[in-house]
Amino acid sequence: MIVLYDRRAIHELLDKRGTIYSERPVDHVVSVVTNGDNLAFMDSTPLWRNQRKIASHALAVRFVVIYCHGLDQLLNKTATHVGRER
């Protein structure tokens, strides 16, 4: 297992050299549990590319900031509401 923390190294490995490292080992337990639908363990197929594109878009920094801001507002509203009930 290789763990990368440098954004440039991750980009180089996944985007520029992704086809070299795209093969995934078959894990039968994961296949049974996820019914074969697990983005982390899929081979590089058109389905995988499409799902990766959707996940990458949803996890982009600009959207995560929006999601976190909305979550903060919801949590603050809930905490205020719970505080009034006591």
Protein backbone atom coordinates (compact mmCIF):
# COMPACT_ATOMS: atom_id res chain seq x y z
CA MET A 1 0.00 0.00 0.00
CA ILE A 2 1.22 3.45 -0.88
CA VAL A 3 -0.05 6.53 0.98
CA LEU A 4 0.50 9.93 -0.61
CA TYR A 5 -0.04 13.28 1.08
CA ASP A 6 1.42 15.64 -1.51
CA ARG A 7 -1.27 16.99 -3.82
CA ARG A 8 1.12 17.22 -6.78
CA ALA A 9 2.28 13.64 -6.32
CA ILE A 10 -1.34 12.44 -6.12
CA HIS A 11 -2.22 14.37 -9.29
CA GLU A 12 0.83 12.96 -11.08
CA LEU A 13 0.04 9.40 -10.02
CA LEU A 14 -3.72 9.39 -10.60
CA ASP A 15 -4.25 11.77 -13.49
CA LYS A 16 -1.08 11.57 -15.55
CA ARG A 17 -0.07 7.96 -14.90
CA GLY A 18 -3.45 6.53 -13.91
CA THR A 19 -3.62 3.95 -16.68
CA ILE A 20 -0.37 2.37 -15.49
CA TYR A 21 -1.63 1.92 -11.92
CA SER A 22 -5.32 1.39 -12.55
CA GLU A 23 -5.57 -2.37 -12.04
CA ARG A 24 -7.13 -3.34 -8.72
CA PRO A 25 -6.69 -6.68 -6.95
CA VAL A 26 -9.86 -8.73 -6.71
CA ASP A 27 -11.17 -8.79 -3.15
CA HIS A 28 -14.01 -11.27 -2.97
CA VAL A 29 -15.25 -10.05 0.42
CA VAL A 30 -15.50 -6.46 -0.82
CA SER A 31 -17.24 -7.68 -3.99
CA VAL A 32 -19.83 -9.58 -1.96
CA VAL A 33 -20.42 -6.78 0.55
CA THR A 34 -20.66 -4.00 -2.06
CA ASN A 35 -22.20 -6.14 -4.80
CA GLY A 36 -19.19 -5.20 -6.94
CA ASP A 37 -20.04 -1.49 -6.82
CA ASN A 38 -17.16 0.12 -4.93
CA LEU A 39 -15.35 3.04 -6.53
CA ALA A 40 -12.12 2.36 -4.64
CA PHE A 41 -11.82 -1.21 -5.93
CA MET A 42 -13.17 -0.87 -9.48
CA ASP A 43 -10.96 -1.26 -12.53
CA SER A 44 -10.60 1.62 -14.96
CA THR A 45 -13.76 1.23 -17.02
CA PRO A 46 -16.15 3.78 -18.52
CA LEU A 47 -18.44 3.26 -15.48
CA TRP A 48 -15.54 3.88 -13.09
CA ARG A 49 -14.50 7.02 -14.99
CA ASN A 50 -18.03 8.38 -14.85
CA GLN A 51 -18.43 7.65 -11.13
CA ARG A 52 -14.99 9.10 -10.38
CA LYS A 53 -15.88 12.27 -12.25
CA ILE A 54 -19.10 12.65 -10.24
CA ALA A 55 -17.32 11.96 -6.93
CA SER A 56 -14.48 14.31 -7.80
CA HIS A 57 -16.95 17.06 -8.66
CA ALA A 58 -18.96 16.51 -5.45
CA LEU A 59 -15.81 16.53 -3.30
CA ALA A 60 -14.20 19.58 -4.90
CA VAL A 61 -13.04 22.15 -2.36
CA ARG A 62 -15.56 24.78 -3.43
CA PHE A 63 -18.48 22.40 -2.89
CA VAL A 64 -17.17 21.01 0.38
CA VAL A 65 -16.99 24.57 1.72
CA ILE A 66 -20.62 25.12 0.68
CA TYR A 67 -21.73 21.82 2.24
CA CYS A 68 -19.87 22.54 5.49
CA HIS A 69 -21.34 26.05 5.67
CA GLY A 70 -24.85 24.64 5.25
CA LEU A 71 -24.15 21.93 7.82
CA ASP A 72 -22.85 24.52 10.30
CA GLN A 73 -26.02 26.57 9.85
CA LEU A 74 -28.19 23.49 10.36
CA LEU A 75 -26.28 22.43 13.47
CA ASN A 76 -26.46 25.94 14.94
CA LYS A 77 -30.20 26.10 14.26
CA THR A 78 -30.72 22.65 15.82
CA ALA A 79 -28.61 23.54 18.87
CA THR A 80 -30.58 26.76 19.34
CA HIS A 81 -33.87 24.88 19.02
CA VAL A 82 -32.78 22.17 21.51
CA GLY A 83 -31.55 24.86 23.92
CA ARG A 84 -35.00 26.50 23.95
CA GLU A 85 -36.75 23.22 24.79
CA ARG A 86 -34.89 22.84 28.09
